[in-house]
Amino acid sequence: MRTERTARFEEAVRQLGGGTVEARMGAARTLVILADEWLADASVPRKQRLRQAQAAINALCMYIRSPFRWAKRYQRLTHGTVRRSWSAQKKRRLRASLEAFRAEAHLRGGILRAIAARLRTPDTVAPASGGKTPQQHGGVPGSWSALTYDFSGAAFFYPVDFSGAYWGRGAGFEG
């Protein structure tokens, strides 16, 4: 079982580093699943489970920190208009850039949503009737709260919501 997980981890890291956005999405999902599997495997000592899950988290965080060339053109891509005077080729390039930008934002946002969901417990969402969440009473750890996160230098060019997240071991957002 551990060897099979190691092989899946190595393949996911390889795919996350390149290829199509679909392959990278699949790789990210695999890393999330692997972290969950390691943390749930009671047959493995806790220290080893945490170390293996942390490796998956590190790979996901490294991807979030990796540069994305269209991130700097966020305003232009999301609020820009196509001018009639532009050539058909220029319009196609802009549309392709916008499509790549949206796919990458969806991928990176999905990774962060998966992380955030595991840093909360189901009852950490504010009740519809008002009232206080457990975070307002000191916090309740989620299944991934015993791990560390390094988002230093990441460009968040997409919505990010860590409300209710319990960072038990900390997170870096410097830069």
N, C-alpha and C. Protein backbone atom coordinates (compact mmCIF):
# COMPACT_ATOMS: atom_id res chain seq x y z
N MET A 1 0.83 -1.19 0.00
CA MET A 1 0.00 0.00 0.00
C MET A 1 0.87 1.25 0.00
N ARG A 2 1.90 1.27 0.84
CA ARG A 2 2.75 2.47 0.93
C ARG A 2 3.51 2.68 -0.37
N THR A 3 3.99 1.59 -1.01
CA THR A 3 4.71 1.71 -2.27
C THR A 3 3.79 2.25 -3.36
N GLU A 4 2.55 1.77 -3.39
CA GLU A 4 1.58 2.25 -4.36
C GLU A 4 1.30 3.74 -4.15
N ARG A 5 1.18 4.17 -2.92
CA ARG A 5 0.97 5.60 -2.64
C ARG A 5 2.18 6.42 -3.07
N THR A 6 3.35 5.89 -2.82
CA THR A 6 4.57 6.60 -3.23
C THR A 6 4.61 6.77 -4.74
N ALA A 7 4.26 5.73 -5.48
CA ALA A 7 4.25 5.82 -6.94
C ALA A 7 3.21 6.83 -7.40
N ARG A 8 2.02 6.83 -6.80
CA ARG A 8 0.98 7.80 -7.14
C ARG A 8 1.45 9.22 -6.83
N PHE A 9 2.12 9.39 -5.69
CA PHE A 9 2.64 10.70 -5.31
C PHE A 9 3.64 11.20 -6.35
N GLU A 10 4.60 10.37 -6.70
CA GLU A 10 5.64 10.77 -7.67
C GLU A 10 5.04 11.12 -9.02
N GLU A 11 4.07 10.33 -9.47
CA GLU A 11 3.41 10.62 -10.75
C GLU A 11 2.61 11.92 -10.67
N ALA A 12 1.92 12.14 -9.58
CA ALA A 12 1.14 13.37 -9.42
C ALA A 12 2.05 14.60 -9.41
N VAL A 13 3.16 14.52 -8.72
CA VAL A 13 4.10 15.65 -8.68
C VAL A 13 4.65 15.92 -10.08
N ARG A 14 4.95 14.85 -10.82
CA ARG A 14 5.45 15.00 -12.19
C ARG A 14 4.41 15.69 -13.06
N GLN A 15 3.14 15.24 -12.97
CA GLN A 15 2.09 15.83 -13.79
C GLN A 15 1.74 17.25 -13.37
N LEU A 16 1.85 17.54 -12.10
CA LEU A 16 1.55 18.90 -11.63
C LEU A 16 2.56 19.90 -12.17
N GLY A 17 3.74 19.42 -12.48
CA GLY A 17 4.80 20.29 -12.98
C GLY A 17 4.71 20.62 -14.45
N GLY A 18 3.77 20.06 -15.17
CA GLY A 18 3.68 20.35 -16.60
C GLY A 18 2.51 19.64 -17.22
N GLY A 19 2.38 19.79 -18.52
CA GLY A 19 1.28 19.14 -19.22
C GLY A 19 0.06 20.02 -19.30
N THR A 20 -1.03 19.40 -19.66
CA THR A 20 -2.27 20.14 -19.84
C THR A 20 -2.87 20.54 -18.49
N VAL A 21 -3.76 21.49 -18.53
CA VAL A 21 -4.42 21.92 -17.29
C VAL A 21 -5.25 20.77 -16.72
N GLU A 22 -5.81 19.94 -17.59
CA GLU A 22 -6.58 18.79 -17.12
C GLU A 22 -5.69 17.81 -16.36
N ALA A 23 -4.48 17.57 -16.88
CA ALA A 23 -3.54 16.68 -16.20
C ALA A 23 -3.12 17.26 -14.85
N ARG A 24 -2.91 18.58 -14.81
CA ARG A 24 -2.53 19.21 -13.55
C ARG A 24 -3.67 19.16 -12.55
N MET A 25 -4.92 19.31 -13.03
CA MET A 25 -6.08 19.20 -12.13
C MET A 25 -6.16 17.79 -11.54
N GLY A 26 -5.96 16.79 -12.38
CA GLY A 26 -5.97 15.41 -11.90
C GLY A 26 -4.85 15.17 -10.90
N ALA A 27 -3.69 15.74 -11.16
CA ALA A 27 -2.56 15.58 -10.24
C ALA A 27 -2.85 16.23 -8.90
N ALA A 28 -3.45 17.41 -8.93
CA ALA A 28 -3.80 18.10 -7.68
C ALA A 28 -4.81 17.28 -6.88
N ARG A 29 -5.82 16.75 -7.57
CA ARG A 29 -6.81 15.90 -6.88
C ARG A 29 -6.14 14.68 -6.26
N THR A 30 -5.21 14.08 -6.99
CA THR A 30 -4.50 12.91 -6.47
C THR A 30 -3.72 13.26 -5.21
N LEU A 31 -3.05 14.41 -5.20
CA LEU A 31 -2.29 14.82 -4.02
C LEU A 31 -3.21 15.06 -2.82
N VAL A 32 -4.36 15.65 -3.06
CA VAL A 32 -5.33 15.87 -1.98
C VAL A 32 -5.80 14.52 -1.42
N ILE A 33 -6.13 13.61 -2.31
CA ILE A 33 -6.58 12.28 -1.89
C ILE A 33 -5.49 11.56 -1.12
N LEU A 34 -4.26 11.64 -1.61
CA LEU A 34 -3.14 10.99 -0.93
C LEU A 34 -2.94 11.55 0.48
N ALA A 35 -3.01 12.85 0.62
CA ALA A 35 -2.86 13.44 1.96
C ALA A 35 -3.96 12.92 2.88
N ASP A 36 -5.19 12.87 2.37
CA ASP A 36 -6.30 12.34 3.17
C ASP A 36 -6.06 10.87 3.54
N GLU A 37 -5.61 10.09 2.57
CA GLU A 37 -5.35 8.67 2.82
C GLU A 37 -4.28 8.47 3.88
N TRP A 38 -3.18 9.23 3.76
CA TRP A 38 -2.10 9.08 4.74
C TRP A 38 -2.58 9.44 6.14
N LEU A 39 -3.30 10.54 6.23
CA LEU A 39 -3.76 10.97 7.56
C LEU A 39 -4.76 9.98 8.18
N ALA A 40 -5.50 9.28 7.35
CA ALA A 40 -6.52 8.34 7.85
C ALA A 40 -5.97 6.94 8.11
N ASP A 41 -4.74 6.66 7.69
CA ASP A 41 -4.18 5.31 7.79
C ASP A 41 -3.66 5.03 9.20
N ALA A 42 -4.50 4.43 10.02
CA ALA A 42 -4.15 4.15 11.42
C ALA A 42 -3.07 3.08 11.55
N SER A 43 -2.76 2.36 10.46
CA SER A 43 -1.72 1.33 10.53
C SER A 43 -0.31 1.93 10.46
N VAL A 44 -0.23 3.22 10.20
CA VAL A 44 1.06 3.91 10.08
C VAL A 44 1.22 4.81 11.30
N PRO A 45 2.42 4.86 11.88
CA PRO A 45 2.64 5.76 13.03
C PRO A 45 2.29 7.21 12.68
N ARG A 46 1.74 7.94 13.62
CA ARG A 46 1.28 9.32 13.41
C ARG A 46 2.35 10.21 12.78
N LYS A 47 3.56 10.12 13.26
CA LYS A 47 4.64 10.96 12.75
C LYS A 47 4.87 10.71 11.25
N GLN A 48 4.83 9.46 10.84
CA GLN A 48 5.01 9.12 9.43
C GLN A 48 3.81 9.58 8.60
N ARG A 49 2.60 9.43 9.15
CA ARG A 49 1.40 9.89 8.44
C ARG A 49 1.49 11.39 8.17
N LEU A 50 1.88 12.14 9.21
CA LEU A 50 2.01 13.59 9.06
C LEU A 50 3.10 13.96 8.05
N ARG A 51 4.21 13.25 8.08
CA ARG A 51 5.31 13.53 7.16
C ARG A 51 4.88 13.28 5.71
N GLN A 52 4.18 12.18 5.47
CA GLN A 52 3.73 11.87 4.11
C GLN A 52 2.66 12.86 3.63
N ALA A 53 1.72 13.18 4.49
CA ALA A 53 0.70 14.17 4.12
C ALA A 53 1.34 15.53 3.87
N GLN A 54 2.34 15.88 4.69
CA GLN A 54 3.02 17.17 4.52
C GLN A 54 3.71 17.24 3.16
N ALA A 55 4.25 16.12 2.69
CA ALA A 55 4.89 16.10 1.36
C ALA A 55 3.88 16.47 0.28
N ALA A 56 2.67 15.94 0.39
CA ALA A 56 1.62 16.27 -0.59
C ALA A 56 1.24 17.75 -0.48
N ILE A 57 1.11 18.24 0.74
CA ILE A 57 0.78 19.66 0.95
C ILE A 57 1.89 20.55 0.39
N ASN A 58 3.13 20.16 0.62
CA ASN A 58 4.26 20.95 0.11
C ASN A 58 4.21 21.05 -1.41
N ALA A 59 3.88 19.95 -2.08
CA ALA A 59 3.78 19.97 -3.54
C ALA A 59 2.65 20.89 -4.00
N LEU A 60 1.52 20.84 -3.31
CA LEU A 60 0.40 21.71 -3.67
C LEU A 60 0.75 23.19 -3.43
N CYS A 61 1.38 23.48 -2.31
CA CYS A 61 1.77 24.86 -2.00
C CYS A 61 2.83 25.36 -2.99
N MET A 62 3.74 24.47 -3.38
CA MET A 62 4.76 24.87 -4.35
C MET A 62 4.10 25.25 -5.67
N TYR A 63 3.09 24.52 -6.05
CA TYR A 63 2.37 24.86 -7.28
C TYR A 63 1.67 26.21 -7.14
N ILE A 64 1.03 26.45 -6.02
CA ILE A 64 0.37 27.73 -5.79
C ILE A 64 1.38 28.88 -5.86
N ARG A 65 2.59 28.65 -5.36
CA ARG A 65 3.62 29.69 -5.38
C ARG A 65 4.27 29.85 -6.75
N SER A 66 4.12 28.88 -7.63
CA SER A 66 4.80 28.94 -8.93
C SER A 66 4.25 30.10 -9.75
N PRO A 67 5.12 30.71 -10.56
CA PRO A 67 4.67 31.86 -11.35
C PRO A 67 3.69 31.43 -12.45
N PHE A 68 2.81 32.33 -12.77
CA PHE A 68 1.87 32.12 -13.88
C PHE A 68 1.90 33.40 -14.70
N ARG A 69 2.30 33.28 -15.94
CA ARG A 69 2.62 34.47 -16.73
C ARG A 69 1.45 35.42 -16.95
N TRP A 70 0.22 34.93 -16.93
CA TRP A 70 -0.91 35.83 -17.15
C TRP A 70 -1.41 36.49 -15.88
N ALA A 71 -0.88 36.13 -14.74
CA ALA A 71 -1.34 36.71 -13.48
C ALA A 71 -1.12 38.22 -13.46
N LYS A 72 -0.04 38.69 -14.05
CA LYS A 72 0.26 40.12 -14.06
C LYS A 72 -0.69 40.89 -14.98
N ARG A 73 -1.35 40.17 -15.88
CA ARG A 73 -2.27 40.83 -16.79
C ARG A 73 -3.73 40.61 -16.37
N TYR A 74 -3.93 40.40 -15.09
CA TYR A 74 -5.26 40.10 -14.54
C TYR A 74 -6.30 41.13 -14.97
N GLN A 75 -6.02 42.40 -14.74
CA GLN A 75 -7.00 43.45 -15.06
C GLN A 75 -7.34 43.45 -16.54
N ARG A 76 -6.33 43.36 -17.36
CA ARG A 76 -6.56 43.39 -18.81
C ARG A 76 -7.38 42.19 -19.26
N LEU A 77 -7.07 41.03 -18.73
CA LEU A 77 -7.76 39.82 -19.16
C LEU A 77 -9.18 39.74 -18.64
N THR A 78 -9.42 40.24 -17.45
CA THR A 78 -10.76 40.11 -16.89
C THR A 78 -11.66 41.30 -17.21
N HIS A 79 -11.07 42.46 -17.46
CA HIS A 79 -11.89 43.65 -17.69
C HIS A 79 -11.65 44.29 -19.06
N GLY A 80 -10.74 43.71 -19.80
CA GLY A 80 -10.41 44.28 -21.10
C GLY A 80 -11.49 44.02 -22.12
N THR A 81 -11.49 44.84 -23.13
CA THR A 81 -12.46 44.67 -24.21
C THR A 81 -11.71 44.37 -25.50
N VAL A 82 -12.35 43.65 -26.36
CA VAL A 82 -11.79 43.37 -27.67
C VAL A 82 -12.20 44.50 -28.59
N ARG A 83 -11.24 45.11 -29.20
CA ARG A 83 -11.52 46.24 -30.09
C ARG A 83 -11.80 45.75 -31.51
N ARG A 84 -12.73 46.40 -32.14
CA ARG A 84 -13.07 46.02 -33.52
C ARG A 84 -11.89 46.16 -34.46
N SER A 85 -11.02 47.10 -34.15
CA SER A 85 -9.89 47.35 -35.04
C SER A 85 -8.80 46.28 -34.94
N TRP A 86 -8.89 45.40 -33.96
CA TRP A 86 -7.87 44.37 -33.81
C TRP A 86 -8.00 43.33 -34.91
N SER A 87 -6.86 42.77 -35.25
CA SER A 87 -6.87 41.71 -36.26
C SER A 87 -7.50 40.45 -35.66
N ALA A 88 -7.95 39.57 -36.53
CA ALA A 88 -8.55 38.31 -36.07
C ALA A 88 -7.54 37.50 -35.25
N GLN A 89 -6.28 37.56 -35.66
CA GLN A 89 -5.24 36.81 -34.94
C GLN A 89 -5.06 37.37 -33.52
N LYS A 90 -5.05 38.67 -33.38
CA LYS A 90 -4.90 39.28 -32.06
C LYS A 90 -6.09 38.94 -31.17
N LYS A 91 -7.29 38.95 -31.74
CA LYS A 91 -8.48 38.58 -30.98
C LYS A 91 -8.41 37.13 -30.52
N ARG A 92 -7.96 36.22 -31.41
CA ARG A 92 -7.82 34.81 -31.04
C ARG A 92 -6.79 34.63 -29.93
N ARG A 93 -5.67 35.35 -30.01
CA ARG A 93 -4.64 35.26 -28.97
C ARG A 93 -5.18 35.73 -27.63
N LEU A 94 -5.94 36.83 -27.63
CA LEU A 94 -6.52 37.33 -26.39
C LEU A 94 -7.51 36.33 -25.82
N ARG A 95 -8.35 35.77 -26.66
CA ARG A 95 -9.31 34.76 -26.18
C ARG A 95 -8.60 33.52 -25.63
N ALA A 96 -7.54 33.09 -26.30
CA ALA A 96 -6.78 31.93 -25.82
C ALA A 96 -6.11 32.25 -24.49
N SER A 97 -5.58 33.45 -24.36
CA SER A 97 -4.96 33.86 -23.09
C SER A 97 -6.00 33.90 -21.98
N LEU A 98 -7.17 34.43 -22.29
CA LEU A 98 -8.24 34.50 -21.30
C LEU A 98 -8.69 33.10 -20.89
N GLU A 99 -8.80 32.20 -21.84
CA GLU A 99 -9.19 30.82 -21.53
C GLU A 99 -8.14 30.14 -20.65
N ALA A 100 -6.87 30.33 -20.97
CA ALA A 100 -5.79 29.75 -20.16
C ALA A 100 -5.78 30.37 -18.76
N PHE A 101 -6.00 31.66 -18.71
CA PHE A 101 -6.05 32.36 -17.42
C PHE A 101 -7.17 31.81 -16.55
N ARG A 102 -8.35 31.67 -17.11
CA ARG A 102 -9.50 31.16 -16.34
C ARG A 102 -9.28 29.72 -15.88
N ALA A 103 -8.71 28.89 -16.76
CA ALA A 103 -8.46 27.49 -16.39
C ALA A 103 -7.44 27.42 -15.26
N GLU A 104 -6.42 28.23 -15.32
CA GLU A 104 -5.40 28.23 -14.27
C GLU A 104 -5.96 28.77 -12.96
N ALA A 105 -6.78 29.81 -13.04
CA ALA A 105 -7.42 30.35 -11.84
C ALA A 105 -8.33 29.30 -11.22
N HIS A 106 -9.04 28.55 -12.05
CA HIS A 106 -9.92 27.48 -11.56
C HIS A 106 -9.10 26.38 -10.88
N LEU A 107 -8.00 26.00 -11.48
CA LEU A 107 -7.12 24.98 -10.90
C LEU A 107 -6.55 25.43 -9.56
N ARG A 108 -5.96 26.60 -9.54
CA ARG A 108 -5.35 27.09 -8.30
C ARG A 108 -6.40 27.36 -7.23
N GLY A 109 -7.52 27.92 -7.63
CA GLY A 109 -8.60 28.14 -6.67
C GLY A 109 -9.13 26.83 -6.12
N GLY A 110 -9.21 25.80 -6.96
CA GLY A 110 -9.67 24.49 -6.51
C GLY A 110 -8.72 23.88 -5.48
N ILE A 111 -7.43 24.05 -5.69
CA ILE A 111 -6.45 23.55 -4.71
C ILE A 111 -6.67 24.26 -3.38
N LEU A 112 -6.83 25.57 -3.42
CA LEU A 112 -7.01 26.32 -2.17
C LEU A 112 -8.34 26.01 -1.51
N ARG A 113 -9.38 25.78 -2.30
CA ARG A 113 -10.67 25.38 -1.71
C ARG A 113 -10.55 24.03 -1.01
N ALA A 114 -9.81 23.10 -1.62
CA ALA A 114 -9.62 21.77 -1.00
C ALA A 114 -8.84 21.91 0.31
N ILE A 115 -7.81 22.75 0.31
CA ILE A 115 -7.04 22.97 1.53
C ILE A 115 -7.93 23.62 2.59
N ALA A 116 -8.62 24.69 2.22
CA ALA A 116 -9.46 25.40 3.18
C ALA A 116 -10.53 24.49 3.78
N ALA A 117 -11.13 23.63 2.95
CA ALA A 117 -12.17 22.73 3.45
C ALA A 117 -11.62 21.78 4.51
N ARG A 118 -10.37 21.41 4.39
CA ARG A 118 -9.76 20.47 5.34
C ARG A 118 -9.14 21.17 6.54
N LEU A 119 -9.14 22.50 6.51
CA LEU A 119 -8.69 23.27 7.66
C LEU A 119 -9.87 23.71 8.53
N ARG A 120 -11.05 23.30 8.13
CA ARG A 120 -12.27 23.61 8.87
C ARG A 120 -12.93 22.29 9.27
N THR A 121 -13.79 22.38 10.25
CA THR A 121 -14.67 21.25 10.52
C THR A 121 -16.04 21.64 9.97
N PRO A 122 -16.91 20.68 9.71
CA PRO A 122 -18.20 21.03 9.11
C PRO A 122 -18.99 22.08 9.87
N ASP A 123 -18.81 22.16 11.17
CA ASP A 123 -19.59 23.12 11.94
C ASP A 123 -18.88 24.47 12.10
N THR A 124 -17.84 24.74 11.28
CA THR A 124 -17.17 26.03 11.39
C THR A 124 -17.76 27.07 10.46
N VAL A 125 -18.74 26.69 9.68
CA VAL A 125 -19.41 27.65 8.82
C VAL A 125 -20.44 28.39 9.67
N ALA A 126 -20.50 29.70 9.52
CA ALA A 126 -21.43 30.50 10.32
C ALA A 126 -22.86 30.04 10.07
N PRO A 127 -23.63 29.84 11.12
CA PRO A 127 -25.02 29.44 10.94
C PRO A 127 -25.82 30.51 10.22
N ALA A 128 -26.78 30.09 9.40
CA ALA A 128 -27.60 31.03 8.64
C ALA A 128 -28.37 31.97 9.56
N SER A 129 -28.69 31.50 10.75
CA SER A 129 -29.46 32.32 11.68
C SER A 129 -28.58 33.29 12.47
N GLY A 130 -27.30 33.36 12.12
CA GLY A 130 -26.39 34.21 12.88
C GLY A 130 -25.67 33.38 13.91
N GLY A 131 -25.23 33.98 14.96
CA GLY A 131 -24.50 33.24 15.99
C GLY A 131 -23.02 33.20 15.68
N LYS A 132 -22.29 32.56 16.52
CA LYS A 132 -20.84 32.53 16.38
C LYS A 132 -20.38 31.17 15.89
N THR A 133 -19.33 31.20 15.07
CA THR A 133 -18.72 29.96 14.61
C THR A 133 -17.75 29.49 15.68
N PRO A 134 -17.31 28.23 15.63
CA PRO A 134 -16.31 27.76 16.59
C PRO A 134 -15.02 28.59 16.56
N GLN A 135 -14.66 29.16 15.40
CA GLN A 135 -13.45 29.98 15.34
C GLN A 135 -13.57 31.20 16.24
N GLN A 136 -14.77 31.70 16.40
CA GLN A 136 -14.96 32.85 17.26
C GLN A 136 -14.87 32.46 18.73
N HIS A 137 -14.85 31.17 18.98
CA HIS A 137 -14.71 30.65 20.34
C HIS A 137 -13.38 29.96 20.54
N GLY A 138 -12.39 30.27 19.72
CA GLY A 138 -11.06 29.69 19.89
C GLY A 138 -10.65 28.71 18.82
N GLY A 139 -11.55 28.29 17.95
CA GLY A 139 -11.19 27.47 16.82
C GLY A 139 -11.32 25.97 17.06
N VAL A 140 -11.61 25.27 15.98
CA VAL A 140 -11.71 23.83 15.98
C VAL A 140 -10.87 23.33 14.81
N PRO A 141 -9.89 22.47 15.07
CA PRO A 141 -9.03 22.02 13.98
C PRO A 141 -9.76 21.15 12.96
N GLY A 142 -9.34 21.28 11.71
CA GLY A 142 -9.81 20.41 10.64
C GLY A 142 -8.83 19.27 10.48
N SER A 143 -9.09 18.40 9.53
CA SER A 143 -8.24 17.21 9.36
C SER A 143 -6.83 17.55 8.90
N TRP A 144 -6.61 18.71 8.31
CA TRP A 144 -5.28 19.09 7.85
C TRP A 144 -4.66 20.19 8.72
N SER A 145 -5.23 20.49 9.86
CA SER A 145 -4.74 21.58 10.69
C SER A 145 -3.39 21.29 11.35
N ALA A 146 -2.96 20.06 11.39
CA ALA A 146 -1.68 19.72 12.02
C ALA A 146 -0.51 19.86 11.05
N LEU A 147 -0.76 20.41 9.87
CA LEU A 147 0.27 20.55 8.84
C LEU A 147 0.62 22.02 8.65
N THR A 148 1.72 22.29 7.96
CA THR A 148 2.13 23.68 7.71
C THR A 148 1.94 24.01 6.23
N TYR A 149 1.79 25.30 5.96
CA TYR A 149 1.49 25.78 4.61
C TYR A 149 2.37 26.97 4.30
N ASP A 150 2.99 26.95 3.12
CA ASP A 150 3.84 28.06 2.71
C ASP A 150 3.32 28.61 1.39
N PHE A 151 2.66 29.76 1.48
CA PHE A 151 2.15 30.45 0.30
C PHE A 151 2.99 31.70 0.02
N SER A 152 4.17 31.77 0.58
CA SER A 152 5.03 32.95 0.43
C SER A 152 5.27 33.27 -1.04
N GLY A 153 5.02 34.52 -1.39
CA GLY A 153 5.27 34.97 -2.74
C GLY A 153 4.20 34.59 -3.75
N ALA A 154 3.15 33.92 -3.32
CA ALA A 154 2.08 33.51 -4.26
C ALA A 154 1.29 34.73 -4.71
N ALA A 155 0.94 34.75 -5.98
CA ALA A 155 0.08 35.79 -6.52
C ALA A 155 -1.33 35.22 -6.58
N PHE A 156 -2.20 35.72 -5.72
CA PHE A 156 -3.58 35.25 -5.70
C PHE A 156 -4.40 36.10 -6.66
N PHE A 157 -4.56 35.64 -7.88
CA PHE A 157 -5.30 36.37 -8.90
C PHE A 157 -6.67 35.76 -9.12
N TYR A 158 -7.19 35.17 -8.06
CA TYR A 158 -8.48 34.50 -8.07
C TYR A 158 -9.02 34.57 -6.65
N PRO A 159 -10.31 34.36 -6.46
CA PRO A 159 -10.87 34.46 -5.10
C PRO A 159 -10.25 33.41 -4.16
N VAL A 160 -9.93 33.83 -2.97
CA VAL A 160 -9.37 32.95 -1.94
C VAL A 160 -10.16 33.18 -0.66
N ASP A 161 -10.66 32.11 -0.06
CA ASP A 161 -11.45 32.24 1.16
C ASP A 161 -10.98 31.23 2.20
N PHE A 162 -10.23 31.72 3.15
CA PHE A 162 -9.77 30.88 4.25
C PHE A 162 -10.55 31.18 5.53
N SER A 163 -11.71 31.80 5.41
CA SER A 163 -12.49 32.10 6.61
C SER A 163 -12.84 30.80 7.32
N GLY A 164 -12.71 30.80 8.61
CA GLY A 164 -13.00 29.61 9.40
C GLY A 164 -11.90 28.59 9.42
N ALA A 165 -10.80 28.85 8.71
CA ALA A 165 -9.69 27.89 8.69
C ALA A 165 -8.94 27.93 10.01
N TYR A 166 -8.53 26.77 10.46
CA TYR A 166 -7.77 26.65 11.71
C TYR A 166 -6.35 26.23 11.32
N TRP A 167 -5.41 27.18 11.41
CA TRP A 167 -4.02 26.95 11.05
C TRP A 167 -3.28 26.47 12.29
N GLY A 168 -3.39 25.22 12.61
CA GLY A 168 -2.80 24.67 13.83
C GLY A 168 -1.29 24.80 13.89
N ARG A 169 -0.61 24.63 12.77
CA ARG A 169 0.85 24.70 12.75
C ARG A 169 1.35 25.92 11.99
N GLY A 170 0.46 26.69 11.44
CA GLY A 170 0.85 27.93 10.81
C GLY A 170 0.84 27.90 9.30
N ALA A 171 0.87 29.11 8.76
CA ALA A 171 0.89 29.30 7.31
C ALA A 171 1.70 30.55 7.02
N GLY A 172 2.45 30.51 5.92
CA GLY A 172 3.24 31.66 5.51
C GLY A 172 2.62 32.32 4.29
N PHE A 173 2.41 33.63 4.38
CA PHE A 173 1.85 34.40 3.27
C PHE A 173 2.77 35.57 2.92
N GLU A 174 4.01 35.53 3.35
CA GLU A 174 4.92 36.65 3.13
C GLU A 174 5.16 36.87 1.64
N GLY A 175 5.38 38.14 1.31
CA GLY A 175 5.77 38.50 -0.05
C GLY A 175 4.66 38.66 -0.93
